[in-house]
Protein backbone atom coordinates (compact mmCIF):
# COMPACT_ATOMS: atom_id res chain seq x y z
CA MET A 1 150.49 64.13 5.63
CA GLU A 2 151.88 60.80 6.79
CA SER A 3 154.88 59.57 4.84
CA GLU A 4 154.91 56.38 2.97
CA TRP A 5 157.07 53.32 3.63
CA PRO A 6 160.30 53.34 1.57
CA ARG A 7 159.96 52.19 -2.07
CA GLU A 8 160.61 48.58 -2.99
CA SER A 9 163.52 49.69 -5.15
CA LEU A 10 165.13 51.06 -2.04
CA VAL A 11 164.48 47.99 -0.08
CA ALA A 12 165.94 45.78 -2.87
CA ALA A 13 169.10 48.09 -3.11
CA ALA A 14 169.43 47.68 0.74
CA GLN A 15 169.08 43.96 0.44
CA SER A 16 171.91 43.87 -2.06
CA GLY A 17 174.21 45.57 0.46
CA ASP A 18 174.15 49.24 -0.68
CA ALA A 19 175.22 51.08 2.42
CA ASP A 20 173.45 54.41 1.27
CA ALA A 21 170.29 52.46 0.60
CA ILE A 22 170.37 50.80 4.03
CA ALA A 23 170.84 54.19 5.76
CA ALA A 24 167.94 55.66 3.79
CA LEU A 25 165.82 52.65 4.58
CA VAL A 26 166.37 52.78 8.29
CA SER A 27 165.70 56.53 8.44
CA GLY A 28 162.60 56.20 6.07
CA SER A 29 161.26 53.41 8.23
CA HIS A 30 161.86 55.17 11.57
CA PRO A 31 158.52 57.08 11.84
CA HIS A 32 156.59 53.97 11.06
CA VAL A 33 158.48 51.82 13.50
CA GLN A 34 157.99 54.36 16.37
CA ARG A 35 154.27 54.46 15.49
CA PHE A 36 154.07 50.71 15.78
CA ALA A 37 155.98 50.61 19.05
CA ARG A 38 153.87 53.49 20.64
CA SER A 39 150.65 51.55 19.77
CA LEU A 40 151.93 48.21 20.99
CA CYS A 41 154.22 48.82 24.06
CA ALA A 42 153.13 49.49 27.59
CA SER A 43 155.29 52.58 28.29
CA PRO A 44 156.87 55.24 26.23
CA GLU A 45 160.29 53.99 27.33
CA ASP A 46 159.62 50.48 26.17
CA ALA A 47 158.28 51.88 22.87
CA GLU A 48 161.49 53.83 22.23
CA ASP A 49 163.59 50.96 23.26
CA SER A 50 161.73 48.49 21.09
CA ALA A 51 161.70 50.98 18.08
CA GLN A 52 165.46 51.26 18.26
CA GLU A 53 166.00 47.51 18.61
CA ALA A 54 163.75 46.97 15.56
CA LEU A 55 165.79 49.41 13.53
CA ILE A 56 169.01 47.68 14.59
CA ILE A 57 167.54 44.45 13.47
CA LEU A 58 166.42 46.07 10.09
CA TYR A 59 169.96 47.32 9.60
CA ARG A 60 171.66 44.08 10.41
CA LYS A 61 169.22 41.69 8.72
CA ILE A 62 167.76 43.48 5.83
CA GLY A 63 169.21 40.81 3.58
CA THR A 64 167.09 38.08 5.08
CA LEU A 65 163.83 39.85 4.13
CA ARG A 66 162.36 37.60 1.46
CA ALA A 67 159.91 39.80 -0.37
CA THR A 68 160.73 43.62 -0.86
CA GLY A 69 157.07 44.42 -0.45
CA ALA A 70 156.83 42.80 2.95
CA LEU A 71 158.92 45.46 4.84
CA ALA A 72 156.02 46.83 6.87
CA SER A 73 154.68 43.54 8.01
CA TRP A 74 158.18 42.30 8.90
CA MET A 75 158.90 45.43 10.94
CA PHE A 76 155.48 45.13 12.76
CA ARG A 77 156.39 41.55 13.78
CA ILE A 78 159.73 42.59 15.03
CA VAL A 79 158.28 45.55 17.05
CA ARG A 80 155.56 43.32 18.37
CA ASN A 81 157.97 40.64 19.56
CA GLU A 82 160.12 43.41 21.23
CA CYS A 83 157.18 44.90 23.02
CA LEU A 84 155.92 41.29 24.23
CA ARG A 85 159.42 40.51 25.41
CA ARG A 86 159.71 43.76 27.34
CA ALA A 87 156.29 43.26 28.82
CA ARG A 88 157.15 39.65 29.90
CA ARG A 89 160.27 40.95 31.62
CA ALA A 90 158.30 43.71 33.47
CA VAL A 91 155.73 41.19 34.61
CA ARG A 92 158.55 38.81 35.83
CA GLY A 93 160.30 41.85 37.39
CA ASP A 94 163.65 40.84 35.82
CA ASP A 95 164.66 43.96 33.96
CA LEU A 96 167.97 42.95 32.47
CA ALA A 97 168.99 46.45 31.72
CA MET A 98 169.20 47.33 35.41
CA SER A 99 170.76 43.96 36.44
CA GLY A 100 173.58 44.03 33.79
CA ALA A 101 172.85 40.42 32.81
CA VAL A 102 173.52 39.08 29.46
CA ILE A 103 171.03 36.94 27.60
CA SER A 104 172.41 33.63 26.19
CA ALA A 105 171.48 32.79 22.52
CA GLU A 106 169.59 29.82 23.92
CA ASP A 107 167.49 31.91 26.25
CA ASP A 108 166.95 34.55 23.66
CA ALA A 109 165.59 31.76 21.28
CA LEU A 110 163.42 30.35 24.13
CA GLU A 111 161.97 33.88 24.63
CA ARG A 112 161.23 34.38 21.04
CA LEU A 113 159.37 30.99 20.86
CA GLU A 114 157.41 31.96 23.99
CA ALA A 115 156.66 35.41 22.45
CA ARG A 116 155.23 33.55 19.48
CA ARG A 117 153.12 31.35 21.65
CA VAL A 118 151.76 34.25 23.61
CA ALA A 119 151.04 36.25 20.50
CA ALA A 120 149.31 33.21 18.90
CA ALA A 121 147.25 32.67 21.93
CA ILE A 122 146.15 36.40 21.95
CA ALA A 123 145.39 36.13 18.23
CA GLU A 124 143.04 33.29 18.82
CA LEU A 125 140.87 35.26 21.23
CA PRO A 126 137.41 36.67 20.13
CA ALA A 127 137.94 40.19 18.87
CA ASP A 128 136.12 41.92 21.78
CA GLN A 129 138.47 40.19 24.40
CA ARG A 130 141.56 40.62 22.27
CA ARG A 131 141.02 44.39 22.15
CA VAL A 132 140.51 44.63 25.94
CA LEU A 133 143.58 42.60 26.72
CA ILE A 134 145.82 44.51 24.34
CA MET A 135 144.58 47.87 25.49
CA ARG A 136 144.78 47.01 29.10
CA ASP A 137 147.66 44.42 29.49
CA ILE A 138 149.89 45.33 26.64
CA GLN A 139 149.44 48.97 26.09
CA GLY A 140 148.91 49.63 29.75
CA HIS A 141 145.84 51.92 29.40
CA PRO A 142 143.81 52.43 32.73
CA GLY A 143 140.63 50.33 32.98
CA ARG A 144 138.30 53.33 32.80
CA ALA A 145 140.03 54.61 29.53
CA VAL A 146 139.68 51.14 27.95
CA ALA A 147 135.98 50.89 28.93
CA ASP A 148 135.34 54.41 27.58
CA ALA A 149 137.22 53.71 24.34
CA LEU A 150 135.32 50.55 23.56
CA GLY A 151 131.97 51.91 24.79
CA LEU A 152 131.82 49.49 27.81
CA SER A 153 130.90 49.80 31.29
CA THR A 154 133.77 49.22 33.64
CA ALA A 155 132.18 45.85 34.82
CA ALA A 156 131.84 44.68 31.20
CA MET A 157 135.43 45.66 30.37
CA LYS A 158 136.66 43.74 33.50
CA SER A 159 134.65 40.76 32.62
CA ARG A 160 136.13 40.56 29.24
CA LEU A 161 139.58 41.02 30.43
CA HIS A 162 139.14 38.30 32.93
CA ARG A 163 137.88 35.87 30.35
CA ALA A 164 140.62 36.85 27.89
CA ARG A 165 143.33 36.34 30.64
CA ALA A 166 141.87 33.00 31.60
CA THR A 167 141.63 31.77 28.01
CA VAL A 168 145.16 32.87 27.35
CA ARG A 169 146.51 31.22 30.51
CA GLU A 170 144.73 28.02 29.52
CA SER A 171 146.13 27.87 26.01
CA LEU A 172 149.76 28.42 27.43
CA LEU A 173 149.54 25.44 29.93
CA PRO A 174 151.62 22.53 28.85
């Protein structure tokens, strides 16, 4: 049986600064955050890194969560943004972990704004194109596996993927 998200009373206690509640909240959220990351990130390594980053953000910023019942959606957004950020870096080929570079606050803010633009562009796609794009480009599944999972021929999957990429590219142009 899958565990539930931590209770709202625990979230409220963590928001008020109770160190034990914060620790319990982070550990109780961990399996859910990992599941989100595995479903959204392109590689197991990115999923693990994104999950860890999301839990660090939860630990540091639980006081900024406005509604105690919104923990799951808040964590999903954090994990999604981390996965998108890592995917963009992989596409650009600038893996900062290997280069030892440090991101400035300004660059980090710009990256987050860009992640929101990309996520919004993807969200605007028709559902059939969005599913193909996410499975192929974000989750990194092989084309044949995507086609099989969606009950499509490889040619149909490639056509939808091409249309989705073109639409996202157009919507991101200045």
